[in-house]
Amino acid sequence: MSAEEELRAEIARLASERDAALAEAKRLKRRLAEVEQLADRDPLTPVLNRRAFLRELQRTAAFCARYGAPAALVYLDLDGFKAVNDRYGHAAGDAMLEAVAQGLLDNVRESDVVARLGGDEFAVLLAQADAGAAMAKAASLTTELEGAPVVFEGRAIAIRISAGVRTYERGLTPAQWVAEADAAMFVRKGALRLGSPMP
């Protein structure tokens, strides 16, 4: 083999190795994106988990603080969820959690963010929403979800929800924002138990 032929062979080998390395890099990048997405997702439902949701709250808070834009957090809790698990089993409870998560996704805008914060607690971050819009959205989500019982093994299981709303104010940390929306939800839950109108 002449020197020129050897050089061409070496160039072809290096080009082949480069192509293989590029293909492997693309595969690893895709895999990393899949792993990152899985790390952000709730393991049971098709929504974000608490960690990813707190990150979204941080981003939204920074945007609101910079541009003076409104945003609100709706905190939702399933009433009587333990009784569903006790009476129908955990598979029925899981079916209810999945139905609520999907119902929330189906009834918010693409710009809104839905998460399961843990157990039977969910949250919706409403972009560009003031207190009035957020309260109206919380009411419509509650009505929508409660109007669609979960059917499990031929039984219709009612969904009952309490929701609390907290709008963003400058200086609120994501953890404070969630805690105050949670507190508003408990006020609402207490009012429902007493048969009072929503405060």
Protein backbone atom coordinates (compact mmCIF):
# COMPACT_ATOMS: atom_id res chain seq x y z
CA MET A 1 0.00 0.00 0.00
CA SER A 2 1.38 3.37 -0.99
CA ALA A 3 1.79 6.25 1.47
CA GLU A 4 -1.14 8.03 -0.19
CA GLU A 5 -3.37 4.99 0.19
CA GLU A 6 -2.32 4.60 3.83
CA LEU A 7 -3.19 8.26 4.44
CA ARG A 8 -6.60 7.85 2.84
CA ALA A 9 -7.28 4.74 4.92
CA GLU A 10 -6.28 6.57 8.10
CA ILE A 11 -8.54 9.52 7.21
CA ALA A 12 -11.45 7.15 6.55
CA ARG A 13 -10.84 5.40 9.89
CA LEU A 14 -10.76 8.70 11.77
CA ALA A 15 -13.93 9.88 10.01
CA SER A 16 -15.67 6.65 10.97
CA GLU A 17 -14.58 7.02 14.60
CA ARG A 18 -15.77 10.64 14.60
CA ASP A 19 -19.18 9.63 13.24
CA ALA A 20 -19.48 6.90 15.87
CA ALA A 21 -18.52 9.35 18.63
CA LEU A 22 -21.09 11.91 17.40
CA ALA A 23 -23.81 9.26 17.28
CA GLU A 24 -22.95 8.14 20.83
CA ALA A 25 -22.98 11.75 22.05
CA LYS A 26 -26.46 12.24 20.54
CA ARG A 27 -27.69 9.03 22.18
CA LEU A 28 -26.31 10.08 25.56
CA LYS A 29 -27.85 13.53 25.22
CA ARG A 30 -31.27 12.00 24.48
CA ARG A 31 -30.89 9.63 27.43
CA LEU A 32 -29.90 12.49 29.74
CA ALA A 33 -32.98 14.46 28.65
CA GLU A 34 -35.16 11.39 29.36
CA VAL A 35 -33.61 10.92 32.81
CA GLU A 36 -34.02 14.62 33.64
CA GLN A 37 -37.67 14.48 32.59
CA LEU A 38 -38.25 11.39 34.73
CA ALA A 39 -36.59 13.11 37.69
CA ASP A 40 -39.10 15.98 37.34
CA ARG A 41 -42.20 13.80 37.02
CA ASP A 42 -44.43 12.41 39.70
CA PRO A 43 -43.98 8.61 39.69
CA LEU A 44 -47.73 7.90 39.53
CA THR A 45 -49.37 10.76 37.64
CA PRO A 46 -48.57 12.70 34.44
CA VAL A 47 -47.63 15.92 36.28
CA LEU A 48 -44.54 17.43 37.89
CA ASN A 49 -43.28 16.40 41.30
CA ARG A 50 -42.68 18.77 44.24
CA ARG A 51 -39.00 19.39 43.45
CA ALA A 52 -39.68 20.40 39.86
CA PHE A 53 -42.69 22.49 40.89
CA LEU A 54 -40.67 24.48 43.43
CA ARG A 55 -38.17 25.21 40.65
CA GLU A 56 -41.02 26.49 38.45
CA LEU A 57 -42.27 28.66 41.31
CA GLN A 58 -38.79 30.16 41.66
CA ARG A 59 -38.69 31.01 37.94
CA THR A 60 -42.16 32.53 38.04
CA ALA A 61 -41.39 34.53 41.18
CA ALA A 62 -38.28 35.97 39.53
CA PHE A 63 -40.30 36.91 36.42
CA CYS A 64 -43.08 38.50 38.50
CA ALA A 65 -40.61 40.46 40.62
CA ARG A 66 -38.81 41.78 37.56
CA TYR A 67 -41.79 42.67 35.38
CA GLY A 68 -44.57 43.21 37.91
CA ALA A 69 -46.60 40.40 36.36
CA PRO A 70 -49.31 38.64 38.39
CA ALA A 71 -49.31 34.93 39.16
CA ALA A 72 -51.24 32.72 41.55
CA LEU A 73 -50.96 29.33 43.13
CA VAL A 74 -53.99 27.05 43.59
CA TYR A 75 -53.46 24.37 46.23
CA LEU A 76 -55.85 21.39 46.06
CA ASP A 77 -56.42 18.62 48.57
CA LEU A 78 -58.65 15.57 48.12
CA ASP A 79 -61.20 15.37 50.93
CA GLY A 80 -61.77 11.91 52.37
CA PHE A 81 -59.01 10.31 50.33
CA LYS A 82 -57.97 7.96 53.14
CA ALA A 83 -61.53 6.62 53.26
CA VAL A 84 -61.32 5.84 49.52
CA ASN A 85 -58.15 3.80 50.10
CA ASP A 86 -59.66 2.08 53.14
CA ARG A 87 -62.95 1.23 51.46
CA TYR A 88 -61.93 0.42 47.88
CA GLY A 89 -58.19 -0.29 48.16
CA HIS A 90 -55.03 1.55 47.13
CA ALA A 91 -55.54 0.75 43.45
CA ALA A 92 -58.75 2.79 43.57
CA GLY A 93 -56.88 5.58 45.35
CA ASP A 94 -54.21 5.53 42.64
CA ALA A 95 -56.90 5.67 39.95
CA MET A 96 -58.38 8.73 41.66
CA LEU A 97 -55.00 10.48 41.85
CA GLU A 98 -54.40 9.79 38.16
CA ALA A 99 -57.87 11.06 37.25
CA VAL A 100 -57.41 14.27 39.25
CA ALA A 101 -53.99 14.93 37.71
CA GLN A 102 -55.34 14.40 34.19
CA GLY A 103 -58.42 16.50 34.95
CA LEU A 104 -56.21 19.37 36.08
CA LEU A 105 -54.05 19.12 32.96
CA ASP A 106 -57.14 19.06 30.75
CA ASN A 107 -58.57 22.22 32.32
CA VAL A 108 -55.63 24.62 32.48
CA ARG A 109 -53.67 26.54 29.88
CA GLU A 110 -50.40 25.30 28.41
CA SER A 111 -48.66 28.16 30.22
CA ASP A 112 -49.90 26.88 33.60
CA VAL A 113 -47.98 24.28 35.62
CA VAL A 114 -49.57 21.30 37.40
CA ALA A 115 -47.87 19.22 40.09
CA ARG A 116 -48.60 16.56 42.65
CA LEU A 117 -46.93 17.80 45.81
CA GLY A 118 -47.31 14.48 47.62
CA GLY A 119 -50.03 12.18 48.89
CA ASP A 120 -53.38 13.61 47.79
CA GLU A 121 -52.20 17.20 47.37
CA PHE A 122 -51.91 18.96 44.03
CA ALA A 123 -50.99 22.47 42.94
CA VAL A 124 -51.55 24.59 39.86
CA LEU A 125 -49.37 27.60 39.09
CA LEU A 126 -51.41 30.11 37.10
CA ALA A 127 -49.35 32.52 35.03
CA GLN A 128 -50.69 36.04 34.46
CA ALA A 129 -53.54 35.49 36.93
CA ASP A 130 -54.66 37.94 39.60
CA ALA A 131 -56.62 36.99 42.73
CA GLY A 132 -60.03 37.19 41.05
CA ALA A 133 -58.99 35.05 38.08
CA ALA A 134 -57.30 32.54 40.38
CA MET A 135 -60.33 32.21 42.66
CA ALA A 136 -62.56 31.69 39.63
CA LYS A 137 -60.17 29.08 38.25
CA ALA A 138 -60.00 27.26 41.60
CA ALA A 139 -63.80 27.14 41.69
CA SER A 140 -64.08 25.88 38.11
CA LEU A 141 -61.41 23.21 38.65
CA THR A 142 -63.20 22.02 41.79
CA THR A 143 -66.54 21.87 39.96
CA GLU A 144 -65.01 20.09 36.97
CA LEU A 145 -63.23 17.45 39.04
CA GLU A 146 -66.10 16.84 41.44
CA GLY A 147 -68.46 16.46 38.50
CA ALA A 148 -66.52 13.50 37.11
CA PRO A 149 -66.50 10.57 39.58
CA VAL A 150 -63.79 7.95 39.17
CA VAL A 151 -65.12 4.66 37.87
CA PHE A 152 -63.20 1.78 39.43
CA GLU A 153 -64.22 -1.85 38.97
CA GLY A 154 -67.72 -0.78 38.05
CA ARG A 155 -68.16 1.60 40.99
CA ALA A 156 -68.42 5.37 40.69
CA ILE A 157 -66.32 6.98 43.42
CA ALA A 158 -67.01 10.64 44.12
CA ILE A 159 -64.15 13.13 44.17
CA ARG A 160 -64.27 15.86 46.82
CA ILE A 161 -61.78 18.72 46.80
CA SER A 162 -60.79 21.70 48.90
CA ALA A 163 -58.79 24.44 47.19
CA GLY A 164 -56.85 27.44 48.45
CA VAL A 165 -55.42 30.35 46.49
CA ARG A 166 -52.39 32.53 47.11
CA THR A 167 -51.26 35.22 44.69
CA TYR A 168 -47.59 36.11 44.34
CA GLU A 169 -46.18 38.99 46.35
CA ARG A 170 -42.62 40.26 46.10
CA GLY A 171 -40.36 38.55 48.61
CA LEU A 172 -42.31 35.28 48.84
CA THR A 173 -40.04 32.26 48.59
CA PRO A 174 -41.39 29.20 46.78
CA ALA A 175 -41.73 27.34 50.09
CA GLN A 176 -43.64 30.26 51.65
CA TRP A 177 -45.85 30.56 48.61
CA VAL A 178 -46.81 26.88 48.84
CA ALA A 179 -47.28 27.05 52.62
CA GLU A 180 -49.61 30.07 52.37
CA ALA A 181 -51.67 28.47 49.59
CA ASP A 182 -51.86 25.33 51.74
CA ALA A 183 -53.06 27.42 54.70
CA ALA A 184 -55.71 29.04 52.50
CA MET A 185 -56.86 25.55 51.49
CA PHE A 186 -57.23 24.51 55.14
CA VAL A 187 -59.33 27.62 55.81
CA ARG A 188 -61.54 26.58 52.91
CA LYS A 189 -61.71 22.97 54.14
CA GLY A 190 -62.74 24.20 57.61
CA ALA A 191 -65.42 26.45 56.12
CA LEU A 192 -66.83 23.52 54.15
CA ARG A 193 -67.03 21.39 57.29
CA LEU A 194 -68.95 24.14 59.04
CA GLY A 195 -71.18 24.70 56.04
CA SER A 196 -69.98 28.28 55.64
CA PRO A 197 -69.47 30.04 52.32
CA MET A 198 -65.92 30.31 51.00
CA PRO A 199 -64.04 33.14 52.72
